[in-house]
């Protein structure tokens, strides 16, 4: 999941293009990487911050809703179960356990309306970018957005590889 080399070509291309464009829109790859490192510094998870934002020296990311610990735990468990998956487009609602499926469904309902908006603190550096938690969301399908996973759960090394990847 967070191993860029194991991703399929389509996902590599998608993540790479998005990260390159995102870096361009907030003032460069250094600004993007410093924002991701600032997000990593927030413990236990930046998603649980009351102020719903993380700022680095040059950029800031904001979202419209605080996520509680139980939802972050469910999300981390799903990602842990699919960590070795080379298919990033797995349906997180595919779970045999009815109890876990219900917890995942509740998390999906909570996370679905959240939108993340990253902007440069200096307006001359770029217009910023935005993304959502889910790539695909229907009644029986919930596929996590690889950009969301990269920004909140993968290492900065993942992002560096994505930025260097040649399409």
C-alpha atoms as a PDB file:
ATOM      1  CA  UNK A   1       0.000   0.000   0.000  1.00  0.00           C
ATOM      2  CA  UNK A   2       2.671   2.531   0.991  1.00  0.00           C
ATOM      3  CA  UNK A   3       5.428   0.927  -1.053  1.00  0.00           C
ATOM      4  CA  UNK A   4       5.593   2.970  -4.246  1.00  0.00           C
ATOM      5  CA  UNK A   5       7.631   0.320  -6.080  1.00  0.00           C
ATOM      6  CA  UNK A   6       4.891  -2.307  -5.537  1.00  0.00           C
ATOM      7  CA  UNK A   7       2.060  -0.150  -6.869  1.00  0.00           C
ATOM      8  CA  UNK A   8       0.668  -0.913 -10.315  1.00  0.00           C
ATOM      9  CA  UNK A   9       1.563   1.433 -13.182  1.00  0.00           C
ATOM     10  CA  UNK A  10      -1.822   3.186 -13.208  1.00  0.00           C
ATOM     11  CA  UNK A  11      -1.602   4.015  -9.522  1.00  0.00           C
ATOM     12  CA  UNK A  12       2.027   5.127  -9.831  1.00  0.00           C
ATOM     13  CA  UNK A  13       1.047   7.430 -12.666  1.00  0.00           C
ATOM     14  CA  UNK A  14      -2.004   8.814 -10.823  1.00  0.00           C
ATOM     15  CA  UNK A  15      -0.147   9.453  -7.572  1.00  0.00           C
ATOM     16  CA  UNK A  16       2.894  10.848  -9.371  1.00  0.00           C
ATOM     17  CA  UNK A  17       0.892  13.257 -11.529  1.00  0.00           C
ATOM     18  CA  UNK A  18      -1.197  14.414  -8.580  1.00  0.00           C
ATOM     19  CA  UNK A  19       1.821  14.916  -6.306  1.00  0.00           C
ATOM     20  CA  UNK A  20       3.745  16.805  -9.007  1.00  0.00           C
ATOM     21  CA  UNK A  21       0.752  19.050  -9.681  1.00  0.00           C
ATOM     22  CA  UNK A  22       0.118  19.463  -5.926  1.00  0.00           C
ATOM     23  CA  UNK A  23       3.743  20.418  -5.329  1.00  0.00           C
ATOM     24  CA  UNK A  24       3.541  22.918  -8.172  1.00  0.00           C
ATOM     25  CA  UNK A  25       0.365  24.428  -6.706  1.00  0.00           C
ATOM     26  CA  UNK A  26       1.777  25.064  -3.229  1.00  0.00           C
ATOM     27  CA  UNK A  27       5.213  26.357  -4.133  1.00  0.00           C
ATOM     28  CA  UNK A  28       7.309  23.282  -4.965  1.00  0.00           C
ATOM     29  CA  UNK A  29       8.167  19.827  -3.762  1.00  0.00           C
ATOM     30  CA  UNK A  30       9.975  21.170  -0.688  1.00  0.00           C
ATOM     31  CA  UNK A  31       6.754  22.865   0.470  1.00  0.00           C
ATOM     32  CA  UNK A  32       4.731  19.685  -0.088  1.00  0.00           C
ATOM     33  CA  UNK A  33       7.248  17.489   1.724  1.00  0.00           C
ATOM     34  CA  UNK A  34       7.484  19.920   4.657  1.00  0.00           C
ATOM     35  CA  UNK A  35       3.671  19.899   4.911  1.00  0.00           C
ATOM     36  CA  UNK A  36       3.625  16.083   5.001  1.00  0.00           C
ATOM     37  CA  UNK A  37       6.369  16.063   7.643  1.00  0.00           C
ATOM     38  CA  UNK A  38       4.378  18.575   9.714  1.00  0.00           C
ATOM     39  CA  UNK A  39       1.390  16.234   9.441  1.00  0.00           C
ATOM     40  CA  UNK A  40       3.524  13.285  10.606  1.00  0.00           C
ATOM     41  CA  UNK A  41       4.629  15.277  13.645  1.00  0.00           C
ATOM     42  CA  UNK A  42       1.053  15.517  14.927  1.00  0.00           C
ATOM     43  CA  UNK A  43       0.375  12.580  17.231  1.00  0.00           C
ATOM     44  CA  UNK A  44      -1.532  10.320  17.463  1.00  0.00           C
ATOM     45  CA  UNK A  45      -3.064  11.363  14.112  1.00  0.00           C
ATOM     46  CA  UNK A  46      -3.441  14.738  12.410  1.00  0.00           C
ATOM     47  CA  UNK A  47      -7.021  13.777  11.493  1.00  0.00           C
ATOM     48  CA  UNK A  48      -8.021  14.017  15.174  1.00  0.00           C
ATOM     49  CA  UNK A  49      -6.892  17.615  15.645  1.00  0.00           C
ATOM     50  CA  UNK A  50      -9.616  19.832  17.073  1.00  0.00           C
ATOM     51  CA  UNK A  51      -8.651  22.757  14.839  1.00  0.00           C
ATOM     52  CA  UNK A  52      -8.848  20.588  11.667  1.00  0.00           C
ATOM     53  CA  UNK A  53      -5.661  21.955  10.164  1.00  0.00           C
ATOM     54  CA  UNK A  54      -1.929  21.412  10.011  1.00  0.00           C
ATOM     55  CA  UNK A  55       0.505  24.128   9.023  1.00  0.00           C
ATOM     56  CA  UNK A  56       4.124  24.004   7.985  1.00  0.00           C
ATOM     57  CA  UNK A  57       6.352  27.024   7.412  1.00  0.00           C
ATOM     58  CA  UNK A  58       5.120  27.467   3.840  1.00  0.00           C
ATOM     59  CA  UNK A  59       1.769  25.723   3.499  1.00  0.00           C
ATOM     60  CA  UNK A  60      -1.354  24.675   5.349  1.00  0.00           C
ATOM     61  CA  UNK A  61      -3.890  21.874   4.973  1.00  0.00           C
ATOM     62  CA  UNK A  62      -7.417  22.258   6.344  1.00  0.00           C
ATOM     63  CA  UNK A  63     -10.450  20.002   6.442  1.00  0.00           C
ATOM     64  CA  UNK A  64     -14.050  20.525   7.376  1.00  0.00           C
ATOM     65  CA  UNK A  65     -14.627  17.971  10.141  1.00  0.00           C
ATOM     66  CA  UNK A  66     -12.748  16.503  13.101  1.00  0.00           C
ATOM     67  CA  UNK A  67     -12.340  12.728  12.976  1.00  0.00           C
ATOM     68  CA  UNK A  68     -12.623  10.878  16.274  1.00  0.00           C
ATOM     69  CA  UNK A  69     -10.199   8.203  17.447  1.00  0.00           C
ATOM     70  CA  UNK A  70     -12.547   5.257  16.857  1.00  0.00           C
ATOM     71  CA  UNK A  71     -12.860   6.153  13.145  1.00  0.00           C
ATOM     72  CA  UNK A  72      -9.096   6.642  12.788  1.00  0.00           C
ATOM     73  CA  UNK A  73      -8.548   3.256  14.467  1.00  0.00           C
ATOM     74  CA  UNK A  74     -10.916   1.574  11.995  1.00  0.00           C
ATOM     75  CA  UNK A  75      -9.144   3.266   9.088  1.00  0.00           C
ATOM     76  CA  UNK A  76      -5.709   2.240  10.369  1.00  0.00           C
ATOM     77  CA  UNK A  77      -6.900  -1.355  10.862  1.00  0.00           C
ATOM     78  CA  UNK A  78      -8.224  -1.511   7.287  1.00  0.00           C
ATOM     79  CA  UNK A  79      -4.938  -0.134   5.967  1.00  0.00           C
ATOM     80  CA  UNK A  80      -2.956  -2.570   8.107  1.00  0.00           C
ATOM     81  CA  UNK A  81      -4.967  -5.507   6.752  1.00  0.00           C
ATOM     82  CA  UNK A  82      -4.278  -4.386   3.185  1.00  0.00           C
ATOM     83  CA  UNK A  83      -0.735  -3.138   3.754  1.00  0.00           C
ATOM     84  CA  UNK A  84       0.865  -5.761   1.546  1.00  0.00           C
ATOM     85  CA  UNK A  85      -1.807  -5.409  -1.112  1.00  0.00           C
ATOM     86  CA  UNK A  86      -0.444  -4.420  -4.476  1.00  0.00           C
ATOM     87  CA  UNK A  87      -3.946  -3.407  -5.510  1.00  0.00           C
ATOM     88  CA  UNK A  88      -4.656  -0.006  -3.986  1.00  0.00           C
ATOM     89  CA  UNK A  89      -8.221  -0.046  -5.247  1.00  0.00           C
ATOM     90  CA  UNK A  90      -9.538  -2.597  -2.768  1.00  0.00           C
ATOM     91  CA  UNK A  91     -13.086  -2.230  -1.511  1.00  0.00           C
ATOM     92  CA  UNK A  92     -12.845  -1.600   2.228  1.00  0.00           C
ATOM     93  CA  UNK A  93     -16.442  -2.759   2.697  1.00  0.00           C
ATOM     94  CA  UNK A  94     -15.476  -6.339   1.758  1.00  0.00           C
ATOM     95  CA  UNK A  95     -15.233  -7.798   5.220  1.00  0.00           C
ATOM     96  CA  UNK A  96     -16.677 -11.132   6.360  1.00  0.00           C
ATOM     97  CA  UNK A  97     -17.196 -10.084   9.968  1.00  0.00           C
ATOM     98  CA  UNK A  98     -20.555  -8.326  10.365  1.00  0.00           C
ATOM     99  CA  UNK A  99     -19.291  -6.410  13.397  1.00  0.00           C
ATOM    100  CA  UNK A 100     -16.197  -5.097  11.581  1.00  0.00           C
ATOM    101  CA  UNK A 101     -18.232  -4.339   8.458  1.00  0.00           C
ATOM    102  CA  UNK A 102     -20.603  -2.199  10.538  1.00  0.00           C
ATOM    103  CA  UNK A 103     -17.685  -0.320  12.125  1.00  0.00           C
ATOM    104  CA  UNK A 104     -16.156   0.245   8.678  1.00  0.00           C
ATOM    105  CA  UNK A 105     -19.512   1.409   7.290  1.00  0.00           C
ATOM    106  CA  UNK A 106     -19.894   3.899  10.158  1.00  0.00           C
ATOM    107  CA  UNK A 107     -16.376   5.191   9.502  1.00  0.00           C
ATOM    108  CA  UNK A 108     -17.162   5.542   5.789  1.00  0.00           C
ATOM    109  CA  UNK A 109     -20.300   7.564   6.581  1.00  0.00           C
ATOM    110  CA  UNK A 110     -18.246   9.836   8.827  1.00  0.00           C
ATOM    111  CA  UNK A 111     -15.319  10.273   6.428  1.00  0.00           C
ATOM    112  CA  UNK A 112     -17.258  10.629   3.160  1.00  0.00           C
ATOM    113  CA  UNK A 113     -18.120  14.347   3.399  1.00  0.00           C
ATOM    114  CA  UNK A 114     -14.619  15.425   4.450  1.00  0.00           C
ATOM    115  CA  UNK A 115     -12.634  17.438   1.921  1.00  0.00           C
ATOM    116  CA  UNK A 116      -9.007  18.420   2.414  1.00  0.00           C
ATOM    117  CA  UNK A 117      -7.744  21.721   1.031  1.00  0.00           C
ATOM    118  CA  UNK A 118      -4.034  22.501   0.976  1.00  0.00           C
ATOM    119  CA  UNK A 119      -2.869  26.018   0.216  1.00  0.00           C
ATOM    120  CA  UNK A 120       0.378  27.919   0.181  1.00  0.00           C
ATOM    121  CA  UNK A 121       0.699  30.505   2.925  1.00  0.00           C
ATOM    122  CA  UNK A 122       2.056  32.904   0.312  1.00  0.00           C
ATOM    123  CA  UNK A 123      -0.608  33.318  -2.413  1.00  0.00           C
ATOM    124  CA  UNK A 124       2.141  33.879  -5.002  1.00  0.00           C
ATOM    125  CA  UNK A 125       3.343  30.266  -4.524  1.00  0.00           C
ATOM    126  CA  UNK A 126       0.214  28.739  -6.048  1.00  0.00           C
ATOM    127  CA  UNK A 127      -3.507  28.189  -5.766  1.00  0.00           C
ATOM    128  CA  UNK A 128      -3.335  24.959  -3.716  1.00  0.00           C
ATOM    129  CA  UNK A 129      -5.136  21.668  -4.221  1.00  0.00           C
ATOM    130  CA  UNK A 130      -7.893  19.564  -2.690  1.00  0.00           C
ATOM    131  CA  UNK A 131      -8.830  15.906  -2.363  1.00  0.00           C
ATOM    132  CA  UNK A 132     -11.344  13.657  -0.634  1.00  0.00           C
ATOM    133  CA  UNK A 133     -10.970  10.486   1.442  1.00  0.00           C
ATOM    134  CA  UNK A 134     -12.644   8.170  -1.070  1.00  0.00           C
ATOM    135  CA  UNK A 135     -11.934   7.643  -4.731  1.00  0.00           C
ATOM    136  CA  UNK A 136     -15.142   5.669  -5.314  1.00  0.00           C
ATOM    137  CA  UNK A 137     -18.120   5.645  -2.988  1.00  0.00           C
ATOM    138  CA  UNK A 138     -21.393   3.794  -3.641  1.00  0.00           C
ATOM    139  CA  UNK A 139     -23.781   1.797  -1.458  1.00  0.00           C
ATOM    140  CA  UNK A 140     -21.631  -1.347  -1.518  1.00  0.00           C
ATOM    141  CA  UNK A 141     -18.230  -0.002  -2.579  1.00  0.00           C
ATOM    142  CA  UNK A 142     -15.800   2.284  -0.767  1.00  0.00           C
ATOM    143  CA  UNK A 143     -12.362   2.650  -2.325  1.00  0.00           C
ATOM    144  CA  UNK A 144      -9.855   4.866  -0.532  1.00  0.00           C
ATOM    145  CA  UNK A 145      -8.217   7.652  -2.487  1.00  0.00           C
ATOM    146  CA  UNK A 146      -4.499   6.836  -2.934  1.00  0.00           C
ATOM    147  CA  UNK A 147      -3.734  10.551  -2.500  1.00  0.00           C
ATOM    148  CA  UNK A 148      -5.401  10.558   0.931  1.00  0.00           C
ATOM    149  CA  UNK A 149      -3.417   7.459   1.926  1.00  0.00           C
ATOM    150  CA  UNK A 150      -0.177   9.005   0.669  1.00  0.00           C
ATOM    151  CA  UNK A 151      -0.746  12.297   2.466  1.00  0.00           C
ATOM    152  CA  UNK A 152      -1.843  10.887   5.837  1.00  0.00           C
ATOM    153  CA  UNK A 153      -0.419   7.383   6.174  1.00  0.00           C
ATOM    154  CA  UNK A 154       2.614   6.850   3.917  1.00  0.00           C
ATOM    155  CA  UNK A 155       6.128   8.065   4.603  1.00  0.00           C
ATOM    156  CA  UNK A 156       7.731  11.064   2.966  1.00  0.00           C
ATOM    157  CA  UNK A 157       9.885   8.561   1.053  1.00  0.00           C
ATOM    158  CA  UNK A 158       6.724   7.414  -0.742  1.00  0.00           C
ATOM    159  CA  UNK A 159       6.004  11.003  -1.792  1.00  0.00           C
ATOM    160  CA  UNK A 160       9.620  11.572  -2.858  1.00  0.00           C
ATOM    161  CA  UNK A 161       9.447   8.522  -5.129  1.00  0.00           C
ATOM    162  CA  UNK A 162       6.116   9.702  -6.514  1.00  0.00           C
ATOM    163  CA  UNK A 163       7.568  13.141  -7.268  1.00  0.00           C
ATOM    164  CA  UNK A 164      10.594  11.616  -9.041  1.00  0.00           C
ATOM    165  CA  UNK A 165       8.592   9.052 -11.022  1.00  0.00           C
ATOM    166  CA  UNK A 166       8.724   9.632 -14.787  1.00  0.00           C
ATOM    167  CA  UNK A 167       5.370   9.199 -16.486  1.00  0.00           C
END
